[in-house]
Amino acid sequence: MPNISVSADSLFTWTAEADSGYVTFAMAMDLFEKNDLISADFNKGTTFESSDTIGNYYRTGNRFVMCIEDPNDDYMSSSFIVAEIEPVENGHFRLVARKEMAHANYDCCNEGFFDRFQKCSPAYFLVKRCVTGSDYCGAFLYVFRDVAHFGEAVHFWADMPAELTYWFCEEGRKARCLKADFEFTVNGDVLTVYMHERTLRESTRKVLSVRDYLRTFTFSDNQRVPLKSVEVKSAEPSKLLFGRK
């Protein structure tokens, strides 16, 4: 995580007041310029208009967490920044932490800014990073509490646009595929992930085995701590955690 300067020169103005909303280029320009987030050859007149929407934000306490386009990405298709800011004095804010990210190729897995970056509980956030290939789109999903400790985020893989799904295939004559569907809930500081895992024969997609289990994590002193992984009957987690029959 980059070290953030706290000098007076790095302070900037921020006009948002609502609990959530869109970020325009004009809103973020002062943040970009005061914190060296724009390259020397950046030309704001050719890349962005002031009214262009470049991301979204959420309020958490007196801070704001946002996910915004990288202003140096000419095509607004690959790079983005997750940032956290807080007020200091005289209506100014400082950049607390930032995490620079990039899709693998382009943004194929999101339907708008509020799909890419979401607040999934009062204290936790979800961001999606897309991965693309030939006729394929998937995503890594990251669940985190604050940007400064983004490295402790719980992350998992999802096929898109289907519900959170992971495919992994072994190579060889008897190739098998592992297909897993994920769902998760956040309760306080505990993240619970339910995974329905099926092993299939790659050539026929015949199901060879089925396994369901719950994995739980907590965040203690800003460290991700796995609590347990418990195998369960397939009907139990869907009914109890997610209201399914």
Protein backbone atom coordinates (compact mmCIF):
# COMPACT_ATOMS: atom_id res chain seq x y z
CA MET A 1 0.00 0.00 0.00
CA PRO A 2 1.49 3.38 -0.99
CA ASN A 3 2.59 5.68 1.84
CA ILE A 4 0.34 8.74 1.82
CA SER A 5 1.77 12.23 2.31
CA VAL A 6 0.13 14.39 4.97
CA SER A 7 1.69 17.67 3.88
CA ALA A 8 -0.49 20.76 3.43
CA ASP A 9 0.20 20.63 -0.31
CA SER A 10 -1.58 17.26 -0.57
CA LEU A 11 -4.85 18.46 1.02
CA PHE A 12 -7.79 18.84 -1.34
CA THR A 13 -11.47 19.82 -1.47
CA TRP A 14 -14.31 17.32 -1.59
CA THR A 15 -17.91 18.34 -2.29
CA ALA A 16 -19.91 15.15 -1.62
CA GLU A 17 -22.21 15.13 1.41
CA ALA A 18 -24.63 12.23 0.85
CA ASP A 19 -24.02 8.73 2.20
CA SER A 20 -23.36 7.43 -1.32
CA GLY A 21 -23.26 8.73 -4.86
CA TYR A 22 -21.37 9.11 -8.10
CA VAL A 23 -17.96 10.74 -8.47
CA THR A 24 -17.51 13.13 -11.38
CA PHE A 25 -14.17 14.09 -12.85
CA ALA A 26 -14.59 17.62 -11.47
CA MET A 27 -15.10 16.24 -7.92
CA ALA A 28 -11.92 14.16 -8.11
CA MET A 29 -9.67 16.59 -9.98
CA ASP A 30 -8.33 18.30 -6.85
CA LEU A 31 -7.59 14.90 -5.28
CA PHE A 32 -5.74 13.82 -8.43
CA GLU A 33 -3.65 16.96 -8.75
CA LYS A 34 -2.71 17.40 -5.08
CA ASN A 35 -1.64 13.75 -4.66
CA ASP A 36 0.36 13.23 -7.86
CA LEU A 37 -2.19 10.83 -9.37
CA ILE A 38 -1.97 12.45 -12.80
CA SER A 39 0.99 11.94 -15.11
CA ALA A 40 2.92 14.93 -16.44
CA ASP A 41 1.54 14.51 -19.97
CA PHE A 42 -2.12 14.20 -18.86
CA ASN A 43 -4.47 16.47 -20.83
CA LYS A 44 -7.81 16.76 -19.06
CA GLY A 45 -9.38 18.51 -22.04
CA THR A 46 -8.98 15.50 -24.30
CA THR A 47 -9.55 12.61 -21.88
CA PHE A 48 -12.37 13.76 -19.58
CA GLU A 49 -15.06 16.39 -19.40
CA SER A 50 -15.73 17.91 -15.96
CA SER A 51 -19.19 16.32 -15.82
CA ASP A 52 -18.01 12.79 -16.74
CA THR A 53 -18.86 10.15 -14.13
CA ILE A 54 -15.70 8.22 -13.22
CA GLY A 55 -16.82 6.14 -10.22
CA ASN A 56 -18.84 6.02 -7.02
CA TYR A 57 -18.34 6.49 -3.28
CA TYR A 58 -19.77 5.54 0.13
CA ARG A 59 -19.56 7.34 3.46
CA THR A 60 -18.28 5.32 6.44
CA GLY A 61 -18.23 7.37 9.64
CA ASN A 62 -16.56 10.68 8.75
CA ARG A 63 -14.56 9.09 5.92
CA PHE A 64 -15.40 8.38 2.30
CA VAL A 65 -14.35 5.27 0.35
CA MET A 66 -14.48 5.45 -3.43
CA CYS A 67 -13.66 3.46 -6.53
CA ILE A 68 -12.73 5.70 -9.47
CA GLU A 69 -11.21 5.42 -12.91
CA ASP A 70 -7.48 5.92 -13.28
CA PRO A 71 -7.20 9.33 -14.98
CA ASN A 72 -4.10 8.16 -16.87
CA ASP A 73 -5.99 5.32 -18.58
CA ASP A 74 -6.90 6.90 -21.93
CA TYR A 75 -9.64 4.36 -22.67
CA MET A 76 -11.20 4.17 -19.16
CA SER A 77 -11.31 0.40 -19.63
CA SER A 78 -8.63 -1.21 -17.50
CA SER A 79 -7.11 0.69 -14.55
CA PHE A 80 -8.96 2.03 -11.51
CA ILE A 81 -8.22 3.27 -7.99
CA VAL A 82 -9.81 2.38 -4.65
CA ALA A 83 -9.23 5.30 -2.27
CA GLU A 84 -10.18 6.36 1.25
CA ILE A 85 -10.26 10.01 2.35
CA GLU A 86 -11.02 11.86 5.59
CA PRO A 87 -11.67 15.49 6.60
CA VAL A 88 -8.92 17.47 8.33
CA GLU A 89 -9.69 21.19 8.71
CA ASN A 90 -11.15 24.20 6.92
CA GLY A 91 -13.22 22.01 4.62
CA HIS A 92 -10.18 20.14 3.31
CA PHE A 93 -9.58 16.40 3.10
CA ARG A 94 -6.54 14.16 3.03
CA LEU A 95 -5.93 10.89 1.21
CA VAL A 96 -5.70 8.15 3.86
CA ALA A 97 -4.85 5.23 1.56
CA ARG A 98 -5.23 4.08 -2.00
CA LYS A 99 -5.02 0.81 -3.91
CA GLU A 100 -4.34 0.89 -7.64
CA MET A 101 -5.92 -1.99 -9.56
CA ALA A 102 -6.42 -3.10 -13.14
CA HIS A 103 -8.73 -5.45 -14.98
CA ALA A 104 -7.07 -8.23 -16.97
CA ASN A 105 -7.83 -6.77 -20.41
CA TYR A 106 -11.01 -4.71 -19.82
CA ASP A 107 -14.12 -4.23 -17.69
CA CYS A 108 -16.38 -7.06 -18.88
CA CYS A 109 -18.03 -8.11 -15.63
CA ASN A 110 -19.72 -4.98 -14.27
CA GLU A 111 -23.01 -3.30 -15.08
CA GLY A 112 -22.16 0.21 -13.98
CA PHE A 113 -20.07 1.72 -11.19
CA PHE A 114 -22.35 0.55 -8.35
CA ASP A 115 -21.93 -3.03 -9.58
CA ARG A 116 -18.12 -2.80 -9.55
CA PHE A 117 -17.94 -1.25 -6.06
CA GLN A 118 -20.55 -1.97 -3.39
CA LYS A 119 -21.07 -1.54 0.32
CA CYS A 120 -22.10 -5.02 1.45
CA SER A 121 -22.57 -4.24 5.17
CA PRO A 122 -22.24 -1.18 7.46
CA ALA A 123 -18.48 -1.79 7.71
CA TYR A 124 -17.44 -3.81 4.63
CA PHE A 125 -17.04 -3.18 0.93
CA LEU A 126 -16.90 -5.33 -2.20
CA VAL A 127 -14.93 -4.53 -5.36
CA LYS A 128 -14.74 -6.62 -8.55
CA ARG A 129 -11.71 -6.93 -10.82
CA CYS A 130 -12.55 -8.43 -14.22
CA VAL A 131 -10.57 -11.07 -16.07
CA THR A 132 -11.21 -11.77 -19.75
CA GLY A 133 -10.13 -14.30 -22.35
CA SER A 134 -11.40 -15.65 -25.65
CA ASP A 135 -15.22 -15.58 -25.36
CA TYR A 136 -14.85 -15.55 -21.60
CA CYS A 137 -15.42 -13.18 -18.69
CA GLY A 138 -14.72 -13.74 -15.00
CA ALA A 139 -13.86 -11.70 -11.93
CA PHE A 140 -11.99 -11.66 -8.65
CA LEU A 141 -14.17 -10.36 -5.81
CA TYR A 142 -12.53 -8.62 -2.85
CA VAL A 143 -14.29 -8.02 0.47
CA PHE A 144 -12.48 -5.52 2.71
CA ARG A 145 -13.07 -3.17 5.64
CA ASP A 146 -10.68 -0.30 4.92
CA VAL A 147 -8.32 0.56 2.08
CA ALA A 148 -5.21 0.75 4.27
CA HIS A 149 -5.54 -2.99 4.94
CA PHE A 150 -6.73 -4.02 1.49
CA GLY A 151 -4.02 -6.69 1.47
CA GLU A 152 -6.05 -8.55 4.10
CA ALA A 153 -9.16 -8.60 1.90
CA VAL A 154 -10.99 -11.91 1.55
CA HIS A 155 -11.04 -12.62 -2.16
CA PHE A 156 -12.48 -15.33 -4.34
CA TRP A 157 -13.14 -16.06 -8.01
CA ALA A 158 -16.40 -15.79 -9.94
CA ASP A 159 -17.49 -16.65 -13.46
CA MET A 160 -19.68 -13.97 -15.04
CA PRO A 161 -22.47 -13.29 -15.73
CA ALA A 162 -23.66 -16.39 -13.86
CA GLU A 163 -23.97 -16.32 -10.10
CA LEU A 164 -20.63 -16.41 -8.30
CA THR A 165 -18.98 -19.43 -9.90
CA TYR A 166 -15.46 -20.82 -10.13
CA TRP A 167 -14.17 -23.28 -12.75
CA PHE A 168 -10.87 -25.13 -12.52
CA CYS A 169 -9.89 -27.97 -14.88
CA GLU A 170 -6.99 -30.37 -14.52
CA GLU A 171 -5.15 -31.35 -17.69
CA GLY A 172 -4.55 -34.88 -18.92
CA ARG A 173 -6.46 -37.84 -20.31
CA LYS A 174 -8.73 -38.04 -17.27
CA ALA A 175 -9.27 -34.32 -16.91
CA ARG A 176 -11.71 -33.23 -14.23
CA CYS A 177 -13.30 -29.88 -13.57
CA LEU A 178 -14.08 -28.32 -10.21
CA LYS A 179 -17.14 -26.07 -10.36
CA ALA A 180 -18.01 -24.05 -7.26
CA ASP A 181 -20.87 -21.63 -6.62
CA PHE A 182 -20.28 -18.97 -3.97
CA GLU A 183 -22.59 -16.91 -1.83
CA PHE A 184 -21.56 -14.81 1.14
CA THR A 185 -22.96 -12.79 4.02
CA VAL A 186 -21.36 -10.31 6.40
CA ASN A 187 -22.52 -10.16 10.02
CA GLY A 188 -20.56 -7.74 12.17
CA ASP A 189 -16.90 -8.63 11.65
CA VAL A 190 -17.58 -12.17 10.43
CA LEU A 191 -17.68 -13.01 6.72
CA THR A 192 -19.32 -16.33 5.83
CA VAL A 193 -18.81 -17.87 2.39
CA TYR A 194 -20.98 -20.79 1.28
CA MET A 195 -19.52 -22.94 -1.51
CA HIS A 196 -21.33 -25.63 -3.47
CA GLU A 197 -18.54 -27.62 -5.09
CA ARG A 198 -18.95 -30.20 -7.86
CA THR A 199 -16.28 -32.31 -9.54
CA LEU A 200 -17.13 -33.11 -13.16
CA ARG A 201 -15.64 -35.16 -15.97
CA GLU A 202 -14.40 -32.53 -18.41
CA SER A 203 -15.33 -34.45 -21.59
CA THR A 204 -18.92 -35.28 -20.58
CA ARG A 205 -19.59 -32.83 -17.68
CA LYS A 206 -20.82 -35.82 -15.70
CA VAL A 207 -20.94 -34.98 -11.99
CA LEU A 208 -18.50 -37.23 -10.13
CA SER A 209 -18.85 -35.82 -6.63
CA VAL A 210 -20.59 -33.02 -4.73
CA ARG A 211 -19.41 -31.18 -1.62
CA ASP A 212 -20.89 -28.23 0.25
CA TYR A 213 -19.14 -26.28 2.96
CA LEU A 214 -19.06 -23.00 4.85
CA ARG A 215 -15.89 -20.97 5.33
CA THR A 216 -15.89 -18.19 7.90
CA PHE A 217 -13.42 -15.35 8.39
CA THR A 218 -13.12 -12.51 10.84
CA PHE A 219 -11.03 -9.36 10.97
CA SER A 220 -9.10 -8.90 14.22
CA ASP A 221 -6.75 -5.92 14.62
CA ASN A 222 -7.07 -5.38 10.87
CA GLN A 223 -5.84 -8.91 10.15
CA ARG A 224 -7.88 -11.48 8.23
CA VAL A 225 -8.29 -14.59 10.40
CA PRO A 226 -9.85 -17.81 9.03
CA LEU A 227 -12.16 -19.20 11.68
CA LYS A 228 -13.25 -22.54 10.29
CA SER A 229 -14.21 -24.55 7.23
CA VAL A 230 -17.11 -26.92 7.86
CA GLU A 231 -18.63 -29.40 5.42
CA VAL A 232 -22.45 -29.28 5.54
CA LYS A 233 -25.48 -30.78 3.89
CA SER A 234 -26.31 -28.90 0.71
CA ALA A 235 -29.74 -27.77 1.93
CA GLU A 236 -28.53 -26.30 5.20
CA PRO A 237 -26.55 -23.16 4.22
CA SER A 238 -28.93 -22.12 1.46
CA LYS A 239 -31.93 -22.30 3.78
CA LEU A 240 -30.38 -20.86 6.91
CA LEU A 241 -28.10 -18.18 5.48
CA PHE A 242 -29.74 -17.08 2.29
CA GLY A 243 -33.47 -17.72 2.77
CA ARG A 244 -33.73 -20.41 0.11
CA LYS A 245 -35.93 -23.48 0.25
